[in-house]
Amino acid sequence: MLAFENGFSIGDFRIAEAIAQWIEAAAVLAISISVLAAIVGSIRERIGSDWTSAFSTFKMYMGRGLLVGLDLLIAGDIIKTVTVEPTLDNAAVLGLLVVIRTFLSWSIVLEIEGHWPWQAAPSGAPDTG
C-alpha cells in the first residue's frame, strides 16, 4: 500500500469514495436546479403562450435535468463499485442499477423527443437538442 504525506493511501480508496460522494451530490444539485428551471421556464412560457407550450417547456427542462442527474448517479456508482467495494454482489447491484437507470433515461428521451434514442426524429418534429 502506497501512503501519501497527507494521510491518503492507495489501498483504502478514501479519495475515490469522496469523489463518488461529490459526484452524487452534483447529481442531486443538477436535478434540483432542473426542477427550478422547469418551473421558471414553464411560467415564462405560459405568460407568452398557452398551457400546452408551457407544459412542453416544463417536460423538456425536467427531462434534461433528470438525464444529467441519472448519468452522474451512474458515474458515482461505478466509481464506488470498482474502487471502494469491488465485490461480486456490488457489481451485480451496479449492473441492476445501470439497467434501471438506462431504461429510465430511454423513457425520458421518449417523453421529451417523441421517439426512442436509437430512432431518427420524425420528419417535421421540432428540434429539442
N, C-alpha and C. Protein backbone atom coordinates (compact mmCIF):
# COMPACT_ATOMS: atom_id res chain seq x y z
N MET A 1 0.85 -1.17 0.00
CA MET A 1 0.00 0.00 0.00
C MET A 1 0.90 1.24 0.00
N LEU A 2 0.66 2.16 -0.92
CA LEU A 2 1.43 3.38 -1.06
C LEU A 2 0.75 4.49 -0.27
N ALA A 3 1.49 5.10 0.68
CA ALA A 3 0.90 6.15 1.51
C ALA A 3 1.42 7.52 1.07
N PHE A 4 0.58 8.51 1.16
CA PHE A 4 0.94 9.88 0.84
C PHE A 4 1.13 10.67 2.12
N GLU A 5 1.78 11.85 2.01
CA GLU A 5 2.08 12.67 3.18
C GLU A 5 0.84 13.09 3.96
N ASN A 6 -0.26 13.37 3.28
CA ASN A 6 -1.44 13.90 3.95
C ASN A 6 -2.35 12.83 4.52
N GLY A 7 -1.92 11.58 4.55
CA GLY A 7 -2.71 10.53 5.16
C GLY A 7 -3.51 9.70 4.18
N PHE A 8 -3.66 10.13 2.94
CA PHE A 8 -4.38 9.33 1.95
C PHE A 8 -3.48 8.19 1.48
N SER A 9 -4.09 7.11 1.16
CA SER A 9 -3.31 5.98 0.69
C SER A 9 -4.02 5.30 -0.46
N ILE A 10 -3.22 4.70 -1.32
CA ILE A 10 -3.78 3.89 -2.40
C ILE A 10 -3.94 2.50 -1.80
N GLY A 11 -5.15 2.10 -1.62
CA GLY A 11 -5.42 0.83 -0.98
C GLY A 11 -6.73 0.88 -0.24
N ASP A 12 -7.00 1.97 0.46
CA ASP A 12 -8.29 2.09 1.12
C ASP A 12 -9.25 2.96 0.31
N PHE A 13 -8.75 3.63 -0.70
CA PHE A 13 -9.55 4.35 -1.68
C PHE A 13 -10.47 5.40 -1.06
N ARG A 14 -9.99 6.08 -0.04
CA ARG A 14 -10.79 7.16 0.55
C ARG A 14 -10.99 8.30 -0.44
N ILE A 15 -10.02 8.52 -1.30
CA ILE A 15 -10.15 9.59 -2.31
C ILE A 15 -11.27 9.25 -3.28
N ALA A 16 -11.29 8.02 -3.76
CA ALA A 16 -12.33 7.60 -4.70
C ALA A 16 -13.72 7.68 -4.07
N GLU A 17 -13.81 7.30 -2.80
CA GLU A 17 -15.10 7.38 -2.11
C GLU A 17 -15.58 8.82 -1.99
N ALA A 18 -14.66 9.72 -1.68
CA ALA A 18 -15.02 11.13 -1.58
C ALA A 18 -15.44 11.69 -2.94
N ILE A 19 -14.73 11.31 -3.98
CA ILE A 19 -15.09 11.76 -5.32
C ILE A 19 -16.48 11.25 -5.70
N ALA A 20 -16.75 9.99 -5.41
CA ALA A 20 -18.06 9.42 -5.72
C ALA A 20 -19.16 10.16 -4.97
N GLN A 21 -18.93 10.52 -3.73
CA GLN A 21 -19.93 11.27 -2.96
C GLN A 21 -20.14 12.66 -3.54
N TRP A 22 -19.08 13.30 -4.00
CA TRP A 22 -19.22 14.62 -4.63
C TRP A 22 -20.00 14.52 -5.93
N ILE A 23 -19.76 13.48 -6.70
CA ILE A 23 -20.49 13.29 -7.95
C ILE A 23 -21.97 13.06 -7.66
N GLU A 24 -22.28 12.27 -6.64
CA GLU A 24 -23.68 12.04 -6.27
C GLU A 24 -24.33 13.33 -5.78
N ALA A 25 -23.59 14.15 -5.05
CA ALA A 25 -24.12 15.45 -4.62
C ALA A 25 -24.38 16.35 -5.84
N ALA A 26 -23.49 16.29 -6.81
CA ALA A 26 -23.69 17.07 -8.04
C ALA A 26 -24.94 16.60 -8.78
N ALA A 27 -25.22 15.29 -8.72
CA ALA A 27 -26.44 14.76 -9.35
C ALA A 27 -27.69 15.32 -8.68
N VAL A 28 -27.69 15.35 -7.37
CA VAL A 28 -28.83 15.91 -6.63
C VAL A 28 -28.98 17.39 -6.96
N LEU A 29 -27.87 18.10 -7.03
CA LEU A 29 -27.90 19.52 -7.37
C LEU A 29 -28.43 19.73 -8.79
N ALA A 30 -27.99 18.92 -9.73
CA ALA A 30 -28.45 19.05 -11.12
C ALA A 30 -29.95 18.81 -11.22
N ILE A 31 -30.44 17.80 -10.53
CA ILE A 31 -31.88 17.52 -10.56
C ILE A 31 -32.66 18.65 -9.89
N SER A 32 -32.15 19.15 -8.78
CA SER A 32 -32.83 20.25 -8.08
C SER A 32 -32.88 21.51 -8.93
N ILE A 33 -31.78 21.82 -9.59
CA ILE A 33 -31.75 23.00 -10.46
C ILE A 33 -32.70 22.82 -11.63
N SER A 34 -32.78 21.59 -12.15
CA SER A 34 -33.68 21.36 -13.29
C SER A 34 -35.14 21.53 -12.89
N VAL A 35 -35.49 21.17 -11.67
CA VAL A 35 -36.87 21.38 -11.20
C VAL A 35 -37.17 22.88 -11.16
N LEU A 36 -36.26 23.65 -10.59
CA LEU A 36 -36.44 25.09 -10.52
C LEU A 36 -36.50 25.70 -11.93
N ALA A 37 -35.59 25.30 -12.80
CA ALA A 37 -35.58 25.81 -14.18
C ALA A 37 -36.86 25.44 -14.91
N ALA A 38 -37.36 24.23 -14.66
CA ALA A 38 -38.60 23.79 -15.31
C ALA A 38 -39.78 24.66 -14.87
N ILE A 39 -39.85 24.94 -13.60
CA ILE A 39 -40.94 25.77 -13.09
C ILE A 39 -40.86 27.18 -13.64
N VAL A 40 -39.67 27.78 -13.55
CA VAL A 40 -39.50 29.15 -14.04
C VAL A 40 -39.71 29.21 -15.55
N GLY A 41 -39.13 28.27 -16.29
CA GLY A 41 -39.28 28.27 -17.74
C GLY A 41 -40.71 28.08 -18.19
N SER A 42 -41.44 27.21 -17.51
CA SER A 42 -42.83 26.99 -17.92
C SER A 42 -43.71 28.18 -17.56
N ILE A 43 -43.42 28.85 -16.45
CA ILE A 43 -44.17 30.07 -16.11
C ILE A 43 -43.92 31.15 -17.15
N ARG A 44 -42.64 31.32 -17.52
CA ARG A 44 -42.31 32.31 -18.54
C ARG A 44 -42.99 31.97 -19.87
N GLU A 45 -43.00 30.71 -20.22
CA GLU A 45 -43.63 30.27 -21.47
C GLU A 45 -45.15 30.49 -21.40
N ARG A 46 -45.74 30.24 -20.27
CA ARG A 46 -47.19 30.39 -20.10
C ARG A 46 -47.62 31.84 -20.25
N ILE A 47 -46.79 32.75 -19.76
CA ILE A 47 -47.12 34.18 -19.87
C ILE A 47 -47.22 34.60 -21.33
N GLY A 48 -46.33 34.08 -22.16
CA GLY A 48 -46.33 34.49 -23.55
C GLY A 48 -47.05 33.54 -24.49
N SER A 49 -47.60 32.45 -23.97
CA SER A 49 -48.19 31.45 -24.85
C SER A 49 -49.33 30.72 -24.14
N ASP A 50 -49.53 29.45 -24.50
CA ASP A 50 -50.64 28.68 -23.92
C ASP A 50 -50.11 27.61 -22.96
N TRP A 51 -51.03 26.88 -22.35
CA TRP A 51 -50.67 25.84 -21.39
C TRP A 51 -49.92 24.69 -22.04
N THR A 52 -50.27 24.34 -23.26
CA THR A 52 -49.62 23.22 -23.95
C THR A 52 -48.14 23.51 -24.15
N SER A 53 -47.83 24.70 -24.59
CA SER A 53 -46.44 25.10 -24.79
C SER A 53 -45.70 25.17 -23.45
N ALA A 54 -46.36 25.67 -22.42
CA ALA A 54 -45.74 25.75 -21.09
C ALA A 54 -45.45 24.36 -20.56
N PHE A 55 -46.37 23.43 -20.77
CA PHE A 55 -46.15 22.05 -20.30
C PHE A 55 -45.01 21.40 -21.06
N SER A 56 -44.91 21.65 -22.35
CA SER A 56 -43.80 21.09 -23.15
C SER A 56 -42.47 21.63 -22.65
N THR A 57 -42.43 22.91 -22.34
CA THR A 57 -41.21 23.51 -21.79
C THR A 57 -40.85 22.87 -20.46
N PHE A 58 -41.85 22.67 -19.61
CA PHE A 58 -41.63 22.04 -18.31
C PHE A 58 -41.03 20.64 -18.48
N LYS A 59 -41.62 19.84 -19.36
CA LYS A 59 -41.13 18.48 -19.61
C LYS A 59 -39.71 18.49 -20.14
N MET A 60 -39.41 19.42 -21.04
CA MET A 60 -38.08 19.47 -21.63
C MET A 60 -37.02 19.77 -20.57
N TYR A 61 -37.24 20.81 -19.76
CA TYR A 61 -36.28 21.16 -18.71
C TYR A 61 -36.13 20.03 -17.68
N MET A 62 -37.26 19.48 -17.25
CA MET A 62 -37.21 18.40 -16.26
C MET A 62 -36.49 17.18 -16.82
N GLY A 63 -36.85 16.80 -18.04
CA GLY A 63 -36.24 15.62 -18.65
C GLY A 63 -34.75 15.75 -18.81
N ARG A 64 -34.31 16.88 -19.30
CA ARG A 64 -32.87 17.07 -19.49
C ARG A 64 -32.12 17.06 -18.17
N GLY A 65 -32.69 17.70 -17.15
CA GLY A 65 -32.05 17.69 -15.83
C GLY A 65 -32.00 16.30 -15.23
N LEU A 66 -33.08 15.54 -15.41
CA LEU A 66 -33.10 14.17 -14.90
C LEU A 66 -32.08 13.30 -15.63
N LEU A 67 -31.93 13.50 -16.93
CA LEU A 67 -30.94 12.74 -17.68
C LEU A 67 -29.52 13.02 -17.17
N VAL A 68 -29.21 14.28 -16.94
CA VAL A 68 -27.89 14.64 -16.41
C VAL A 68 -27.71 14.03 -15.02
N GLY A 69 -28.74 14.15 -14.18
CA GLY A 69 -28.66 13.59 -12.83
C GLY A 69 -28.47 12.08 -12.84
N LEU A 70 -29.20 11.38 -13.71
CA LEU A 70 -29.05 9.92 -13.80
C LEU A 70 -27.65 9.54 -14.26
N ASP A 71 -27.12 10.27 -15.24
CA ASP A 71 -25.76 9.98 -15.71
C ASP A 71 -24.74 10.18 -14.60
N LEU A 72 -24.90 11.25 -13.83
CA LEU A 72 -23.98 11.49 -12.72
C LEU A 72 -24.10 10.41 -11.64
N LEU A 73 -25.33 9.99 -11.35
CA LEU A 73 -25.52 8.93 -10.35
C LEU A 73 -24.86 7.63 -10.80
N ILE A 74 -24.97 7.31 -12.08
CA ILE A 74 -24.33 6.10 -12.60
C ILE A 74 -22.81 6.23 -12.46
N ALA A 75 -22.28 7.40 -12.79
CA ALA A 75 -20.83 7.60 -12.67
C ALA A 75 -20.36 7.41 -11.23
N GLY A 76 -21.10 7.98 -10.28
CA GLY A 76 -20.74 7.80 -8.88
C GLY A 76 -20.80 6.35 -8.44
N ASP A 77 -21.83 5.64 -8.90
CA ASP A 77 -21.95 4.22 -8.55
C ASP A 77 -20.82 3.40 -9.14
N ILE A 78 -20.43 3.71 -10.36
CA ILE A 78 -19.32 2.98 -11.00
C ILE A 78 -18.03 3.19 -10.22
N ILE A 79 -17.76 4.43 -9.85
CA ILE A 79 -16.54 4.73 -9.10
C ILE A 79 -16.53 3.97 -7.78
N LYS A 80 -17.65 3.99 -7.07
CA LYS A 80 -17.71 3.28 -5.79
C LYS A 80 -17.54 1.78 -5.97
N THR A 81 -18.18 1.23 -6.99
CA THR A 81 -18.16 -0.22 -7.16
C THR A 81 -16.78 -0.73 -7.57
N VAL A 82 -16.13 -0.05 -8.49
CA VAL A 82 -14.86 -0.57 -8.98
C VAL A 82 -13.66 -0.20 -8.11
N THR A 83 -13.81 0.80 -7.24
CA THR A 83 -12.66 1.19 -6.41
C THR A 83 -12.88 0.96 -4.93
N VAL A 84 -14.04 1.31 -4.42
CA VAL A 84 -14.25 1.28 -2.97
C VAL A 84 -14.64 -0.11 -2.49
N GLU A 85 -15.63 -0.72 -3.12
CA GLU A 85 -16.13 -2.02 -2.69
C GLU A 85 -16.29 -2.95 -3.89
N PRO A 86 -15.17 -3.43 -4.47
CA PRO A 86 -15.26 -4.26 -5.68
C PRO A 86 -15.61 -5.73 -5.37
N THR A 87 -16.84 -5.97 -4.95
CA THR A 87 -17.27 -7.34 -4.70
C THR A 87 -18.24 -7.77 -5.80
N LEU A 88 -18.44 -9.05 -5.92
CA LEU A 88 -19.35 -9.57 -6.93
C LEU A 88 -20.79 -9.11 -6.66
N ASP A 89 -21.19 -9.07 -5.40
CA ASP A 89 -22.53 -8.60 -5.06
C ASP A 89 -22.71 -7.13 -5.46
N ASN A 90 -21.73 -6.31 -5.17
CA ASN A 90 -21.82 -4.89 -5.53
C ASN A 90 -21.82 -4.70 -7.04
N ALA A 91 -21.07 -5.53 -7.75
CA ALA A 91 -21.07 -5.45 -9.21
C ALA A 91 -22.45 -5.83 -9.76
N ALA A 92 -23.09 -6.83 -9.16
CA ALA A 92 -24.43 -7.23 -9.60
C ALA A 92 -25.44 -6.11 -9.32
N VAL A 93 -25.34 -5.49 -8.16
CA VAL A 93 -26.23 -4.37 -7.83
C VAL A 93 -25.98 -3.22 -8.80
N LEU A 94 -24.72 -2.94 -9.10
CA LEU A 94 -24.39 -1.88 -10.06
C LEU A 94 -25.00 -2.19 -11.42
N GLY A 95 -24.88 -3.43 -11.86
CA GLY A 95 -25.47 -3.81 -13.14
C GLY A 95 -26.96 -3.59 -13.16
N LEU A 96 -27.64 -3.96 -12.09
CA LEU A 96 -29.09 -3.74 -12.00
C LEU A 96 -29.43 -2.25 -12.01
N LEU A 97 -28.67 -1.45 -11.26
CA LEU A 97 -28.90 -0.01 -11.24
C LEU A 97 -28.69 0.61 -12.62
N VAL A 98 -27.66 0.17 -13.32
CA VAL A 98 -27.39 0.70 -14.65
C VAL A 98 -28.53 0.34 -15.61
N VAL A 99 -29.04 -0.89 -15.51
CA VAL A 99 -30.15 -1.30 -16.37
C VAL A 99 -31.39 -0.46 -16.07
N ILE A 100 -31.71 -0.28 -14.80
CA ILE A 100 -32.88 0.51 -14.42
C ILE A 100 -32.73 1.96 -14.86
N ARG A 101 -31.57 2.54 -14.60
CA ARG A 101 -31.36 3.94 -14.96
C ARG A 101 -31.30 4.13 -16.47
N THR A 102 -30.78 3.13 -17.18
CA THR A 102 -30.78 3.21 -18.65
C THR A 102 -32.21 3.20 -19.18
N PHE A 103 -33.04 2.31 -18.63
CA PHE A 103 -34.45 2.29 -19.03
C PHE A 103 -35.13 3.61 -18.73
N LEU A 104 -34.85 4.18 -17.55
CA LEU A 104 -35.42 5.48 -17.20
C LEU A 104 -34.95 6.56 -18.18
N SER A 105 -33.68 6.54 -18.53
CA SER A 105 -33.16 7.52 -19.48
C SER A 105 -33.85 7.40 -20.83
N TRP A 106 -34.01 6.18 -21.31
CA TRP A 106 -34.69 5.97 -22.59
C TRP A 106 -36.13 6.46 -22.52
N SER A 107 -36.79 6.19 -21.40
CA SER A 107 -38.18 6.64 -21.24
C SER A 107 -38.27 8.15 -21.22
N ILE A 108 -37.32 8.80 -20.59
CA ILE A 108 -37.31 10.27 -20.54
C ILE A 108 -37.07 10.84 -21.94
N VAL A 109 -36.13 10.25 -22.68
CA VAL A 109 -35.88 10.71 -24.05
C VAL A 109 -37.14 10.52 -24.90
N LEU A 110 -37.81 9.40 -24.74
CA LEU A 110 -39.05 9.16 -25.48
C LEU A 110 -40.09 10.22 -25.14
N GLU A 111 -40.20 10.57 -23.87
CA GLU A 111 -41.17 11.58 -23.44
C GLU A 111 -40.83 12.96 -23.99
N ILE A 112 -39.56 13.31 -24.00
CA ILE A 112 -39.14 14.65 -24.44
C ILE A 112 -39.18 14.77 -25.96
N GLU A 113 -38.56 13.80 -26.65
CA GLU A 113 -38.36 13.93 -28.09
C GLU A 113 -39.41 13.22 -28.93
N GLY A 114 -40.17 12.33 -28.33
CA GLY A 114 -41.22 11.64 -29.07
C GLY A 114 -40.76 10.43 -29.85
N HIS A 115 -39.53 9.99 -29.62
CA HIS A 115 -39.01 8.79 -30.28
C HIS A 115 -37.91 8.19 -29.42
N TRP A 116 -37.64 6.91 -29.61
CA TRP A 116 -36.59 6.24 -28.85
C TRP A 116 -35.24 6.81 -29.23
N PRO A 117 -34.24 6.74 -28.34
CA PRO A 117 -32.92 7.33 -28.62
C PRO A 117 -32.27 6.78 -29.89
N TRP A 118 -32.52 5.55 -30.24
CA TRP A 118 -31.88 4.94 -31.39
C TRP A 118 -32.64 5.17 -32.70
N GLN A 119 -33.78 5.83 -32.61
CA GLN A 119 -34.57 6.13 -33.82
C GLN A 119 -34.31 7.56 -34.27
N ALA A 120 -34.43 7.77 -35.58
CA ALA A 120 -34.31 9.12 -36.11
C ALA A 120 -35.55 9.92 -35.72
N ALA A 121 -35.37 11.23 -35.59
CA ALA A 121 -36.50 12.09 -35.26
C ALA A 121 -37.51 12.04 -36.40
N PRO A 122 -38.81 12.00 -36.05
CA PRO A 122 -39.82 12.03 -37.10
C PRO A 122 -39.71 13.30 -37.94
N SER A 123 -39.98 13.17 -39.23
CA SER A 123 -39.89 14.36 -40.08
C SER A 123 -40.93 15.38 -39.64
N GLY A 124 -40.51 16.63 -39.62
CA GLY A 124 -41.41 17.70 -39.21
C GLY A 124 -41.43 17.91 -37.70
N ALA A 125 -40.69 17.08 -36.94
CA ALA A 125 -40.67 17.23 -35.48
C ALA A 125 -39.77 18.39 -35.12
N PRO A 126 -40.12 19.15 -34.08
CA PRO A 126 -39.27 20.26 -33.65
C PRO A 126 -37.96 19.74 -33.08
N ASP A 127 -36.90 20.49 -33.30
CA ASP A 127 -35.58 20.12 -32.79
C ASP A 127 -35.49 20.55 -31.33
N THR A 128 -35.34 19.57 -30.40
CA THR A 128 -35.25 19.90 -28.97
C THR A 128 -33.82 19.88 -28.48
N GLY A 129 -32.88 19.57 -29.35
CA GLY A 129 -31.48 19.45 -28.93
C GLY A 129 -30.78 20.70 -29.06
